[in-house]
Amino acid sequence: MVEYGGFGMLPRKKREIPDFRMMKTEDLVEHLKSPSLWAKRSAWQQISDRPISETTKLSSSLIHIASDSSMDEITRIHALWSLEGINHYDEKLMDALIQDSMDNLRREAYDLLLLLI
């Protein structure tokens, strides 16, 4: 389906906007990898807001994303924030992140460590 809008009324494809509130908990992690910052933030918020009994099982996937140096920095930060949201601390991950070459990721790891003190 094509709709018209925007500058000069150029055609654009209509996209479905996912409803993160209704999404299965296990499907949220994949949205942290989305190119859309809105989708990353929505997934992170839902992971943090869901009952801990539902989100604990996400920790290994979130650790994998946060530690994956092939992922972009924003994705890794959102995975780290998600781990914070589910109250999961991984010492090995934090040791690696405070030595990471990505400045913002390293700063977020330090900030999280300060919250744990």
C-alpha atoms as a PDB file:
ATOM      1  CA  MET A   1       0.000   0.000   0.000  1.00  0.00           C
ATOM      2  CA  VAL A   2       1.334   3.439  -0.898  1.00  0.00           C
ATOM      3  CA  GLU A   3       0.267   6.627   0.762  1.00  0.00           C
ATOM      4  CA  TYR A   4       1.219  10.156  -0.139  1.00  0.00           C
ATOM      5  CA  GLY A   5       2.546  12.687   2.301  1.00  0.00           C
ATOM      6  CA  GLY A   6       5.532  14.585   3.468  1.00  0.00           C
ATOM      7  CA  PHE A   7       7.611  17.054   1.534  1.00  0.00           C
ATOM      8  CA  GLY A   8       6.388  17.482  -2.028  1.00  0.00           C
ATOM      9  CA  MET A   9       3.787  14.748  -1.547  1.00  0.00           C
ATOM     10  CA  LEU A  10       6.254  11.994  -2.364  1.00  0.00           C
ATOM     11  CA  PRO A  11       4.882   8.463  -2.213  1.00  0.00           C
ATOM     12  CA  ARG A  12       5.923   6.385   0.775  1.00  0.00           C
ATOM     13  CA  LYS A  13       5.137   2.915   1.972  1.00  0.00           C
ATOM     14  CA  LYS A  14       2.755   2.700   4.857  1.00  0.00           C
ATOM     15  CA  ARG A  15       4.360   0.889   7.776  1.00  0.00           C
ATOM     16  CA  GLU A  16       2.678  -0.951  10.581  1.00  0.00           C
ATOM     17  CA  ILE A  17       3.536   0.440  13.972  1.00  0.00           C
ATOM     18  CA  PRO A  18       4.065  -2.384  16.473  1.00  0.00           C
ATOM     19  CA  ASP A  19       2.136  -2.264  19.733  1.00  0.00           C
ATOM     20  CA  PHE A  20       4.845  -3.021  22.255  1.00  0.00           C
ATOM     21  CA  ARG A  21       2.348  -3.191  25.112  1.00  0.00           C
ATOM     22  CA  MET A  22       0.701  -6.252  23.540  1.00  0.00           C
ATOM     23  CA  MET A  23       3.889  -7.917  22.311  1.00  0.00           C
ATOM     24  CA  LYS A  24       5.116 -11.171  23.857  1.00  0.00           C
ATOM     25  CA  THR A  25       7.911 -10.551  26.328  1.00  0.00           C
ATOM     26  CA  GLU A  26      10.340 -12.850  24.500  1.00  0.00           C
ATOM     27  CA  ASP A  27       9.842 -10.861  21.263  1.00  0.00           C
ATOM     28  CA  LEU A  28      10.921  -7.551  22.786  1.00  0.00           C
ATOM     29  CA  VAL A  29      14.668  -8.274  22.725  1.00  0.00           C
ATOM     30  CA  GLU A  30      14.784  -8.376  18.914  1.00  0.00           C
ATOM     31  CA  HIS A  31      13.350  -4.855  18.792  1.00  0.00           C
ATOM     32  CA  LEU A  32      16.381  -3.539  20.666  1.00  0.00           C
ATOM     33  CA  LYS A  33      18.238  -4.199  17.389  1.00  0.00           C
ATOM     34  CA  SER A  34      15.789  -2.143  15.333  1.00  0.00           C
ATOM     35  CA  PRO A  35      17.159   0.767  13.279  1.00  0.00           C
ATOM     36  CA  SER A  36      14.379   2.849  14.870  1.00  0.00           C
ATOM     37  CA  LEU A  37      15.342   4.611  18.102  1.00  0.00           C
ATOM     38  CA  TRP A  38      11.644   4.728  18.999  1.00  0.00           C
ATOM     39  CA  ALA A  39      11.430   0.923  18.719  1.00  0.00           C
ATOM     40  CA  LYS A  40      14.591   0.453  20.817  1.00  0.00           C
ATOM     41  CA  ARG A  41      13.251   2.722  23.553  1.00  0.00           C
ATOM     42  CA  SER A  42       9.794   1.164  23.486  1.00  0.00           C
ATOM     43  CA  ALA A  43      11.250  -2.334  23.795  1.00  0.00           C
ATOM     44  CA  TRP A  44      13.542  -1.254  26.642  1.00  0.00           C
ATOM     45  CA  GLN A  45      10.641   0.371  28.514  1.00  0.00           C
ATOM     46  CA  GLN A  46       8.455  -2.701  28.109  1.00  0.00           C
ATOM     47  CA  ILE A  47      11.239  -5.025  29.253  1.00  0.00           C
ATOM     48  CA  SER A  48      11.741  -2.830  32.328  1.00  0.00           C
ATOM     49  CA  ASP A  49       8.016  -2.526  33.075  1.00  0.00           C
ATOM     50  CA  ARG A  50       7.048  -6.187  32.749  1.00  0.00           C
ATOM     51  CA  PRO A  51       6.944  -8.482  35.796  1.00  0.00           C
ATOM     52  CA  ILE A  52      10.367  -9.804  36.741  1.00  0.00           C
ATOM     53  CA  SER A  53       8.995 -13.350  36.476  1.00  0.00           C
ATOM     54  CA  GLU A  54       8.546 -12.752  32.720  1.00  0.00           C
ATOM     55  CA  THR A  55      11.775 -10.886  32.040  1.00  0.00           C
ATOM     56  CA  THR A  56      14.370 -12.893  33.964  1.00  0.00           C
ATOM     57  CA  LYS A  57      14.598 -15.350  31.072  1.00  0.00           C
ATOM     58  CA  LEU A  58      15.736 -12.501  28.784  1.00  0.00           C
ATOM     59  CA  SER A  59      19.005 -11.910  30.640  1.00  0.00           C
ATOM     60  CA  SER A  60      21.213 -14.173  28.503  1.00  0.00           C
ATOM     61  CA  SER A  61      19.951 -12.583  25.258  1.00  0.00           C
ATOM     62  CA  LEU A  62      20.451  -9.102  26.688  1.00  0.00           C
ATOM     63  CA  ILE A  63      23.979  -9.940  27.861  1.00  0.00           C
ATOM     64  CA  HIS A  64      24.767 -11.259  24.395  1.00  0.00           C
ATOM     65  CA  ILE A  65      23.608  -8.011  22.743  1.00  0.00           C
ATOM     66  CA  ALA A  66      25.354  -5.756  25.272  1.00  0.00           C
ATOM     67  CA  SER A  67      28.644  -7.614  24.859  1.00  0.00           C
ATOM     68  CA  ASP A  68      28.515  -7.963  21.065  1.00  0.00           C
ATOM     69  CA  SER A  69      31.051  -5.491  19.666  1.00  0.00           C
ATOM     70  CA  SER A  70      29.579  -5.867  16.177  1.00  0.00           C
ATOM     71  CA  MET A  71      26.373  -4.168  17.396  1.00  0.00           C
ATOM     72  CA  ASP A  72      26.078  -0.408  17.296  1.00  0.00           C
ATOM     73  CA  GLU A  73      26.612   1.528  20.506  1.00  0.00           C
ATOM     74  CA  ILE A  74      22.976   2.614  20.936  1.00  0.00           C
ATOM     75  CA  THR A  75      21.755  -0.990  20.685  1.00  0.00           C
ATOM     76  CA  ARG A  76      24.282  -2.148  23.261  1.00  0.00           C
ATOM     77  CA  ILE A  77      23.326   0.685  25.626  1.00  0.00           C
ATOM     78  CA  HIS A  78      19.642  -0.211  25.374  1.00  0.00           C
ATOM     79  CA  ALA A  79      20.475  -3.828  26.177  1.00  0.00           C
ATOM     80  CA  LEU A  80      22.455  -2.625  29.203  1.00  0.00           C
ATOM     81  CA  TRP A  81      19.545  -0.417  30.319  1.00  0.00           C
ATOM     82  CA  SER A  82      17.235  -3.411  29.889  1.00  0.00           C
ATOM     83  CA  LEU A  83      19.471  -5.498  32.151  1.00  0.00           C
ATOM     84  CA  GLU A  84      19.284  -2.721  34.719  1.00  0.00           C
ATOM     85  CA  GLY A  85      15.495  -2.669  34.313  1.00  0.00           C
ATOM     86  CA  ILE A  86      15.230  -6.357  35.188  1.00  0.00           C
ATOM     87  CA  ASN A  87      17.744  -5.992  38.043  1.00  0.00           C
ATOM     88  CA  HIS A  88      20.269  -8.307  36.446  1.00  0.00           C
ATOM     89  CA  TYR A  89      23.950  -7.697  37.128  1.00  0.00           C
ATOM     90  CA  ASP A  90      26.635  -9.672  35.318  1.00  0.00           C
ATOM     91  CA  GLU A  91      30.148  -9.082  36.637  1.00  0.00           C
ATOM     92  CA  LYS A  92      31.907 -10.434  33.543  1.00  0.00           C
ATOM     93  CA  LEU A  93      29.830  -8.170  31.268  1.00  0.00           C
ATOM     94  CA  MET A  94      30.460  -5.096  33.388  1.00  0.00           C
ATOM     95  CA  ASP A  95      34.214  -5.776  33.472  1.00  0.00           C
ATOM     96  CA  ALA A  96      34.207  -5.940  29.674  1.00  0.00           C
ATOM     97  CA  LEU A  97      32.032  -2.830  29.212  1.00  0.00           C
ATOM     98  CA  ILE A  98      34.134  -0.548  31.405  1.00  0.00           C
ATOM     99  CA  GLN A  99      37.073  -1.408  29.153  1.00  0.00           C
ATOM    100  CA  ASP A 100      35.144  -1.054  25.880  1.00  0.00           C
ATOM    101  CA  SER A 101      36.360   1.347  23.191  1.00  0.00           C
ATOM    102  CA  MET A 102      32.914   2.965  22.824  1.00  0.00           C
ATOM    103  CA  ASP A 103      32.882   6.041  25.066  1.00  0.00           C
ATOM    104  CA  ASN A 104      29.136   6.300  25.662  1.00  0.00           C
ATOM    105  CA  LEU A 105      28.779   2.600  26.399  1.00  0.00           C
ATOM    106  CA  ARG A 106      31.661   2.766  28.851  1.00  0.00           C
ATOM    107  CA  ARG A 107      30.073   5.796  30.553  1.00  0.00           C
ATOM    108  CA  GLU A 108      26.719   4.005  30.868  1.00  0.00           C
ATOM    109  CA  ALA A 109      28.445   0.969  32.382  1.00  0.00           C
ATOM    110  CA  TYR A 110      30.170   3.191  34.962  1.00  0.00           C
ATOM    111  CA  ASP A 111      26.872   4.922  35.752  1.00  0.00           C
ATOM    112  CA  LEU A 112      25.195   1.578  36.315  1.00  0.00           C
ATOM    113  CA  LEU A 113      28.028   0.438  38.578  1.00  0.00           C
ATOM    114  CA  LEU A 114      27.637   3.608  40.639  1.00  0.00           C
ATOM    115  CA  LEU A 115      23.947   2.795  41.147  1.00  0.00           C
ATOM    116  CA  LEU A 116      24.909  -0.627  42.488  1.00  0.00           C
ATOM    117  CA  ILE A 117      27.232   0.766  45.155  1.00  0.00           C
END
